[in-house]
């Protein structure tokens, strides 16, 4: 499994959409890949931050900036 594959599975795992074999393969990859462990930590923190932000009403300008940043992060991940 490549790191790109693992990162895709991490997103699906957060959505509860992984098959058992995928979950096992992901855990095996994470056991030997410190980069993906860091990505997992970042993804967890980002998810919590987004959840907290959803509880706050954002101005249209700030919402557009956050969306632009998120799109940039997704486009530049390896």
PDB file of N, CA and C in Angstrom:
ATOM      1  N   UNK A   1       0.852  -1.176   0.000  1.00  0.00           N
ATOM      2  CA  UNK A   1       0.000   0.000   0.000  1.00  0.00           C
ATOM      3  C   UNK A   1       0.893   1.232   0.000  1.00  0.00           C
ATOM      4  N   UNK A   2       0.560   2.195  -0.840  1.00  0.00           N
ATOM      5  CA  UNK A   2       1.296   3.454  -0.863  1.00  0.00           C
ATOM      6  C   UNK A   2       0.715   4.411   0.175  1.00  0.00           C
ATOM      7  N   UNK A   3       1.473   5.454   0.468  1.00  0.00           N
ATOM      8  CA  UNK A   3       0.962   6.467   1.392  1.00  0.00           C
ATOM      9  C   UNK A   3      -0.278   7.147   0.819  1.00  0.00           C
ATOM     10  N   UNK A   4      -0.300   7.372  -0.476  1.00  0.00           N
ATOM     11  CA  UNK A   4      -1.478   7.981  -1.102  1.00  0.00           C
ATOM     12  C   UNK A   4      -2.703   7.105  -0.883  1.00  0.00           C
ATOM     13  N   UNK A   5      -2.536   5.789  -1.074  1.00  0.00           N
ATOM     14  CA  UNK A   5      -3.648   4.854  -0.825  1.00  0.00           C
ATOM     15  C   UNK A   5      -4.103   4.928   0.629  1.00  0.00           C
ATOM     16  N   UNK A   6      -3.139   4.953   1.537  1.00  0.00           N
ATOM     17  CA  UNK A   6      -3.477   5.002   2.962  1.00  0.00           C
ATOM     18  C   UNK A   6      -4.228   6.284   3.295  1.00  0.00           C
ATOM     19  N   UNK A   7      -3.786   7.401   2.753  1.00  0.00           N
ATOM     20  CA  UNK A   7      -4.452   8.667   3.034  1.00  0.00           C
ATOM     21  C   UNK A   7      -5.884   8.673   2.512  1.00  0.00           C
ATOM     22  N   UNK A   8      -6.103   8.051   1.379  1.00  0.00           N
ATOM     23  CA  UNK A   8      -7.471   7.939   0.861  1.00  0.00           C
ATOM     24  C   UNK A   8      -8.331   7.080   1.783  1.00  0.00           C
ATOM     25  N   UNK A   9      -7.746   5.996   2.279  1.00  0.00           N
ATOM     26  CA  UNK A   9      -8.492   5.123   3.184  1.00  0.00           C
ATOM     27  C   UNK A   9      -8.777   5.809   4.518  1.00  0.00           C
ATOM     28  N   UNK A  10      -7.865   6.666   4.961  1.00  0.00           N
ATOM     29  CA  UNK A  10      -8.103   7.384   6.219  1.00  0.00           C
ATOM     30  C   UNK A  10      -9.363   8.233   6.130  1.00  0.00           C
ATOM     31  N   UNK A  11      -9.536   8.889   5.013  1.00  0.00           N
ATOM     32  CA  UNK A  11     -10.739   9.701   4.834  1.00  0.00           C
ATOM     33  C   UNK A  11     -11.981   8.824   4.846  1.00  0.00           C
ATOM     34  N   UNK A  12     -11.906   7.696   4.179  1.00  0.00           N
ATOM     35  CA  UNK A  12     -13.052   6.781   4.149  1.00  0.00           C
ATOM     36  C   UNK A  12     -13.305   6.167   5.514  1.00  0.00           C
ATOM     37  N   UNK A  13     -12.225   5.917   6.272  1.00  0.00           N
ATOM     38  CA  UNK A  13     -12.397   5.361   7.618  1.00  0.00           C
ATOM     39  C   UNK A  13     -13.164   6.341   8.501  1.00  0.00           C
ATOM     40  N   UNK A  14     -12.869   7.634   8.386  1.00  0.00           N
ATOM     41  CA  UNK A  14     -13.590   8.641   9.172  1.00  0.00           C
ATOM     42  C   UNK A  14     -15.074   8.626   8.842  1.00  0.00           C
ATOM     43  N   UNK A  15     -15.403   8.262   7.609  1.00  0.00           N
ATOM     44  CA  UNK A  15     -16.802   8.202   7.179  1.00  0.00           C
ATOM     45  C   UNK A  15     -17.444   6.858   7.500  1.00  0.00           C
ATOM     46  N   UNK A  16     -16.663   5.932   8.069  1.00  0.00           N
ATOM     47  CA  UNK A  16     -17.184   4.607   8.385  1.00  0.00           C
ATOM     48  C   UNK A  16     -17.429   3.757   7.156  1.00  0.00           C
ATOM     49  N   UNK A  17     -16.641   3.992   6.097  1.00  0.00           N
ATOM     50  CA  UNK A  17     -16.896   3.324   4.822  1.00  0.00           C
ATOM     51  C   UNK A  17     -15.809   2.331   4.417  1.00  0.00           C
ATOM     52  N   UNK A  18     -15.065   1.786   5.387  1.00  0.00           N
ATOM     53  CA  UNK A  18     -14.013   0.824   5.048  1.00  0.00           C
ATOM     54  C   UNK A  18     -14.496  -0.608   5.244  1.00  0.00           C
ATOM     55  N   UNK A  19     -14.152  -1.452   4.289  1.00  0.00           N
ATOM     56  CA  UNK A  19     -14.368  -2.891   4.449  1.00  0.00           C
ATOM     57  C   UNK A  19     -13.324  -3.407   5.440  1.00  0.00           C
ATOM     58  N   UNK A  20     -13.571  -4.553   6.021  1.00  0.00           N
ATOM     59  CA  UNK A  20     -12.664  -5.121   7.025  1.00  0.00           C
ATOM     60  C   UNK A  20     -11.259  -5.311   6.462  1.00  0.00           C
ATOM     61  N   UNK A  21     -11.151  -5.798   5.238  1.00  0.00           N
ATOM     62  CA  UNK A  21      -9.828  -6.018   4.634  1.00  0.00           C
ATOM     63  C   UNK A  21      -9.093  -4.696   4.428  1.00  0.00           C
ATOM     64  N   UNK A  22      -9.821  -3.650   4.062  1.00  0.00           N
ATOM     65  CA  UNK A  22      -9.202  -2.335   3.889  1.00  0.00           C
ATOM     66  C   UNK A  22      -8.707  -1.798   5.228  1.00  0.00           C
ATOM     67  N   UNK A  23      -9.511  -1.976   6.269  1.00  0.00           N
ATOM     68  CA  UNK A  23      -9.125  -1.511   7.600  1.00  0.00           C
ATOM     69  C   UNK A  23      -7.867  -2.225   8.075  1.00  0.00           C
ATOM     70  N   UNK A  24      -7.793  -3.513   7.831  1.00  0.00           N
ATOM     71  CA  UNK A  24      -6.616  -4.288   8.219  1.00  0.00           C
ATOM     72  C   UNK A  24      -5.385  -3.823   7.451  1.00  0.00           C
ATOM     73  N   UNK A  25      -5.533  -3.617   6.149  1.00  0.00           N
ATOM     74  CA  UNK A  25      -4.410  -3.149   5.327  1.00  0.00           C
ATOM     75  C   UNK A  25      -3.952  -1.763   5.773  1.00  0.00           C
ATOM     76  N   UNK A  26      -4.894  -0.911   6.106  1.00  0.00           N
ATOM     77  CA  UNK A  26      -4.552   0.429   6.568  1.00  0.00           C
ATOM     78  C   UNK A  26      -3.792   0.358   7.887  1.00  0.00           C
ATOM     79  N   UNK A  27      -4.269  -0.425   8.834  1.00  0.00           N
ATOM     80  CA  UNK A  27      -3.593  -0.545  10.131  1.00  0.00           C
ATOM     81  C   UNK A  27      -2.186  -1.113   9.959  1.00  0.00           C
ATOM     82  N   UNK A  28      -2.023  -2.051   9.048  1.00  0.00           N
ATOM     83  CA  UNK A  28      -0.699  -2.618   8.773  1.00  0.00           C
ATOM     84  C   UNK A  28       0.231  -1.540   8.227  1.00  0.00           C
ATOM     85  N   UNK A  29      -0.270  -0.735   7.309  1.00  0.00           N
ATOM     86  CA  UNK A  29       0.530   0.347   6.743  1.00  0.00           C
ATOM     87  C   UNK A  29       0.900   1.361   7.829  1.00  0.00           C
ATOM     88  N   UNK A  30      -0.072   1.742   8.646  1.00  0.00           N
ATOM     89  CA  UNK A  30       0.187   2.729   9.703  1.00  0.00           C
ATOM     90  C   UNK A  30       1.214   2.226  10.710  1.00  0.00           C
ATOM     91  N   UNK A  31       1.241   0.928  10.942  1.00  0.00           N
ATOM     92  CA  UNK A  31       2.194   0.362  11.897  1.00  0.00           C
ATOM     93  C   UNK A  31       3.639   0.578  11.461  1.00  0.00           C
ATOM     94  N   UNK A  32       3.853   0.776  10.161  1.00  0.00           N
ATOM     95  CA  UNK A  32       5.220   0.936   9.671  1.00  0.00           C
ATOM     96  C   UNK A  32       5.494   2.249   8.964  1.00  0.00           C
ATOM     97  N   UNK A  33       4.587   3.210   9.069  1.00  0.00           N
ATOM     98  CA  UNK A  33       4.760   4.453   8.312  1.00  0.00           C
ATOM     99  C   UNK A  33       4.523   5.681   9.201  1.00  0.00           C
ATOM    100  N   UNK A  34       5.593   6.248   9.735  1.00  0.00           N
ATOM    101  CA  UNK A  34       5.423   7.420  10.601  1.00  0.00           C
ATOM    102  C   UNK A  34       4.826   8.625   9.866  1.00  0.00           C
ATOM    103  N   UNK A  35       5.070   8.747   8.568  1.00  0.00           N
ATOM    104  CA  UNK A  35       4.482   9.859   7.815  1.00  0.00           C
ATOM    105  C   UNK A  35       2.958   9.768   7.815  1.00  0.00           C
ATOM    106  N   UNK A  36       2.440   8.577   7.618  1.00  0.00           N
ATOM    107  CA  UNK A  36       0.981   8.417   7.586  1.00  0.00           C
ATOM    108  C   UNK A  36       0.384   8.519   8.992  1.00  0.00           C
ATOM    109  N   UNK A  37       1.149   8.151  10.005  1.00  0.00           N
ATOM    110  CA  UNK A  37       0.678   8.353  11.377  1.00  0.00           C
ATOM    111  C   UNK A  37       0.529   9.850  11.629  1.00  0.00           C
ATOM    112  N   UNK A  38       1.500  10.641  11.172  1.00  0.00           N
ATOM    113  CA  UNK A  38       1.391  12.104  11.320  1.00  0.00           C
ATOM    114  C   UNK A  38       0.192  12.625  10.535  1.00  0.00           C
ATOM    115  N   UNK A  39      -0.019  12.097   9.318  1.00  0.00           N
ATOM    116  CA  UNK A  39      -1.169  12.520   8.506  1.00  0.00           C
ATOM    117  C   UNK A  39      -2.470  12.184   9.234  1.00  0.00           C
ATOM    118  N   UNK A  40      -2.523  11.013   9.864  1.00  0.00           N
ATOM    119  CA  UNK A  40      -3.708  10.611  10.617  1.00  0.00           C
ATOM    120  C   UNK A  40      -3.977  11.595  11.749  1.00  0.00           C
ATOM    121  N   UNK A  41      -2.926  11.961  12.447  1.00  0.00           N
ATOM    122  CA  UNK A  41      -3.065  12.922  13.541  1.00  0.00           C
ATOM    123  C   UNK A  41      -3.563  14.263  13.013  1.00  0.00           C
ATOM    124  N   UNK A  42      -2.995  14.707  11.911  1.00  0.00           N
ATOM    125  CA  UNK A  42      -3.426  15.971  11.308  1.00  0.00           C
ATOM    126  C   UNK A  42      -4.890  15.891  10.887  1.00  0.00           C
ATOM    127  N   UNK A  43      -5.272  14.796  10.251  1.00  0.00           N
ATOM    128  CA  UNK A  43      -6.644  14.623   9.794  1.00  0.00           C
ATOM    129  C   UNK A  43      -7.615  14.644  10.974  1.00  0.00           C
ATOM    130  N   UNK A  44      -7.249  13.987  12.062  1.00  0.00           N
ATOM    131  CA  UNK A  44      -8.098  13.989  13.263  1.00  0.00           C
ATOM    132  C   UNK A  44      -8.253  15.406  13.825  1.00  0.00           C
ATOM    133  N   UNK A  45      -7.134  16.129  13.909  1.00  0.00           N
ATOM    134  CA  UNK A  45      -7.196  17.506  14.427  1.00  0.00           C
ATOM    135  C   UNK A  45      -8.014  18.394  13.500  1.00  0.00           C
ATOM    136  N   UNK A  46      -7.817  18.237  12.200  1.00  0.00           N
ATOM    137  CA  UNK A  46      -8.568  19.049  11.234  1.00  0.00           C
ATOM    138  C   UNK A  46     -10.055  18.750  11.322  1.00  0.00           C
ATOM    139  N   UNK A  47     -10.398  17.493  11.489  1.00  0.00           N
ATOM    140  CA  UNK A  47     -11.802  17.111  11.591  1.00  0.00           C
ATOM    141  C   UNK A  47     -12.445  17.724  12.834  1.00  0.00           C
ATOM    142  N   UNK A  48     -11.727  17.674  13.958  1.00  0.00           N
ATOM    143  CA  UNK A  48     -12.251  18.282  15.178  1.00  0.00           C
ATOM    144  C   UNK A  48     -12.395  19.791  15.013  1.00  0.00           C
ATOM    145  N   UNK A  49     -11.422  20.418  14.348  1.00  0.00           N
ATOM    146  CA  UNK A  49     -11.479  21.864  14.132  1.00  0.00           C
ATOM    147  C   UNK A  49     -12.661  22.235  13.246  1.00  0.00           C
ATOM    148  N   UNK A  50     -12.897  21.449  12.208  1.00  0.00           N
ATOM    149  CA  UNK A  50     -14.034  21.717  11.320  1.00  0.00           C
ATOM    150  C   UNK A  50     -15.341  21.545  12.083  1.00  0.00           C
ATOM    151  N   UNK A  51     -15.429  20.499  12.885  1.00  0.00           N
ATOM    152  CA  UNK A  51     -16.647  20.283  13.674  1.00  0.00           C
ATOM    153  C   UNK A  51     -16.905  21.455  14.616  1.00  0.00           C
ATOM    154  N   UNK A  52     -15.839  21.933  15.247  1.00  0.00           N
ATOM    155  CA  UNK A  52     -15.989  23.078  16.143  1.00  0.00           C
ATOM    156  C   UNK A  52     -16.365  24.332  15.365  1.00  0.00           C
ATOM    157  N   UNK A  53     -15.779  24.497  14.198  1.00  0.00           N
ATOM    158  CA  UNK A  53     -16.067  25.682  13.387  1.00  0.00           C
ATOM    159  C   UNK A  53     -17.507  25.680  12.888  1.00  0.00           C
ATOM    160  N   UNK A  54     -18.051  24.501  12.650  1.00  0.00           N
ATOM    161  CA  UNK A  54     -19.428  24.426  12.171  1.00  0.00           C
ATOM    162  C   UNK A  54     -20.415  24.920  13.214  1.00  0.00           C
ATOM    163  N   UNK A  55     -19.983  24.891  14.459  1.00  0.00           N
ATOM    164  CA  UNK A  55     -20.853  25.358  15.538  1.00  0.00           C
ATOM    165  C   UNK A  55     -20.867  26.884  15.630  1.00  0.00           C
ATOM    166  N   UNK A  56     -19.964  27.521  14.888  1.00  0.00           N
ATOM    167  CA  UNK A  56     -19.848  28.981  14.903  1.00  0.00           C
ATOM    168  C   UNK A  56     -20.271  29.505  13.534  1.00  0.00           C
ATOM    169  N   UNK A  57     -21.048  30.545  13.526  1.00  0.00           N
ATOM    170  CA  UNK A  57     -21.464  31.128  12.254  1.00  0.00           C
ATOM    171  C   UNK A  57     -20.327  31.972  11.688  1.00  0.00           C
ATOM    172  N   UNK A  58     -19.891  31.635  10.476  1.00  0.00           N
ATOM    173  CA  UNK A  58     -18.797  32.344   9.825  1.00  0.00           C
ATOM    174  C   UNK A  58     -19.335  33.380   8.848  1.00  0.00           C
ATOM    175  N   UNK A  59     -18.554  34.439   8.699  1.00  0.00           N
ATOM    176  CA  UNK A  59     -18.897  35.394   7.648  1.00  0.00           C
ATOM    177  C   UNK A  59     -18.643  34.715   6.308  1.00  0.00           C
ATOM    178  N   UNK A  60     -19.285  35.183   5.278  1.00  0.00           N
ATOM    179  CA  UNK A  60     -19.106  34.620   3.941  1.00  0.00           C
ATOM    180  C   UNK A  60     -17.645  34.723   3.508  1.00  0.00           C
ATOM    181  N   UNK A  61     -16.987  35.819   3.859  1.00  0.00           N
ATOM    182  CA  UNK A  61     -15.582  36.021   3.482  1.00  0.00           C
ATOM    183  C   UNK A  61     -14.675  34.992   4.158  1.00  0.00           C
ATOM    184  N   UNK A  62     -14.865  34.783   5.460  1.00  0.00           N
ATOM    185  CA  UNK A  62     -14.048  33.817   6.177  1.00  0.00           C
ATOM    186  C   UNK A  62     -14.327  32.401   5.689  1.00  0.00           C
ATOM    187  N   UNK A  63     -15.575  32.083   5.438  1.00  0.00           N
ATOM    188  CA  UNK A  63     -15.922  30.753   4.926  1.00  0.00           C
ATOM    189  C   UNK A  63     -15.238  30.499   3.590  1.00  0.00           C
ATOM    190  N   UNK A  64     -15.186  31.501   2.722  1.00  0.00           N
ATOM    191  CA  UNK A  64     -14.521  31.363   1.426  1.00  0.00           C
ATOM    192  C   UNK A  64     -13.021  31.139   1.612  1.00  0.00           C
ATOM    193  N   UNK A  65     -12.414  31.824   2.565  1.00  0.00           N
ATOM    194  CA  UNK A  65     -10.982  31.650   2.825  1.00  0.00           C
ATOM    195  C   UNK A  65     -10.686  30.250   3.350  1.00  0.00           C
ATOM    196  N   UNK A  66     -11.522  29.754   4.256  1.00  0.00           N
ATOM    197  CA  UNK A  66     -11.336  28.414   4.799  1.00  0.00           C
ATOM    198  C   UNK A  66     -11.484  27.375   3.694  1.00  0.00           C
ATOM    199  N   UNK A  67     -12.473  27.529   2.851  1.00  0.00           N
ATOM    200  CA  UNK A  67     -12.676  26.604   1.742  1.00  0.00           C
ATOM    201  C   UNK A  67     -11.483  26.622   0.803  1.00  0.00           C
ATOM    202  N   UNK A  68     -10.967  27.794   0.495  1.00  0.00           N
ATOM    203  CA  UNK A  68      -9.808  27.913  -0.393  1.00  0.00           C
ATOM    204  C   UNK A  68      -8.590  27.209   0.212  1.00  0.00           C
ATOM    205  N   UNK A  69      -8.364  27.389   1.496  1.00  0.00           N
ATOM    206  CA  UNK A  69      -7.253  26.727   2.170  1.00  0.00           C
ATOM    207  C   UNK A  69      -7.419  25.211   2.133  1.00  0.00           C
ATOM    208  N   UNK A  70      -8.613  24.730   2.420  1.00  0.00           N
ATOM    209  CA  UNK A  70      -8.864  23.286   2.407  1.00  0.00           C
ATOM    210  C   UNK A  70      -8.633  22.709   1.016  1.00  0.00           C
ATOM    211  N   UNK A  71      -9.079  23.395  -0.010  1.00  0.00           N
ATOM    212  CA  UNK A  71      -8.874  22.932  -1.386  1.00  0.00           C
ATOM    213  C   UNK A  71      -7.386  22.895  -1.721  1.00  0.00           C
ATOM    214  N   UNK A  72      -6.652  23.883  -1.257  1.00  0.00           N
ATOM    215  CA  UNK A  72      -5.204  23.915  -1.485  1.00  0.00           C
ATOM    216  C   UNK A  72      -4.536  22.726  -0.801  1.00  0.00           C
ATOM    217  N   UNK A  73      -4.911  22.441   0.447  1.00  0.00           N
ATOM    218  CA  UNK A  73      -4.328  21.323   1.177  1.00  0.00           C
ATOM    219  C   UNK A  73      -4.601  19.996   0.475  1.00  0.00           C
ATOM    220  N   UNK A  74      -5.804  19.817  -0.004  1.00  0.00           N
ATOM    221  CA  UNK A  74      -6.148  18.571  -0.700  1.00  0.00           C
ATOM    222  C   UNK A  74      -5.369  18.474  -2.010  1.00  0.00           C
ATOM    223  N   UNK A  75      -5.264  19.565  -2.729  1.00  0.00           N
ATOM    224  CA  UNK A  75      -4.565  19.559  -4.031  1.00  0.00           C
ATOM    225  C   UNK A  75      -3.073  19.316  -3.896  1.00  0.00           C
ATOM    226  N   UNK A  76      -2.482  19.672  -2.755  1.00  0.00           N
ATOM    227  CA  UNK A  76      -1.035  19.559  -2.615  1.00  0.00           C
ATOM    228  C   UNK A  76      -0.593  18.354  -1.792  1.00  0.00           C
ATOM    229  N   UNK A  77      -1.533  17.561  -1.288  1.00  0.00           N
ATOM    230  CA  UNK A  77      -1.106  16.384  -0.516  1.00  0.00           C
ATOM    231  C   UNK A  77      -0.510  15.359  -1.457  1.00  0.00           C
ATOM    232  N   UNK A  78       0.412  14.584  -0.911  1.00  0.00           N
ATOM    233  CA  UNK A  78       1.139  13.600  -1.727  1.00  0.00           C
ATOM    234  C   UNK A  78       0.485  12.269  -1.673  1.00  0.00           C
TER     235      UNK A  78
END
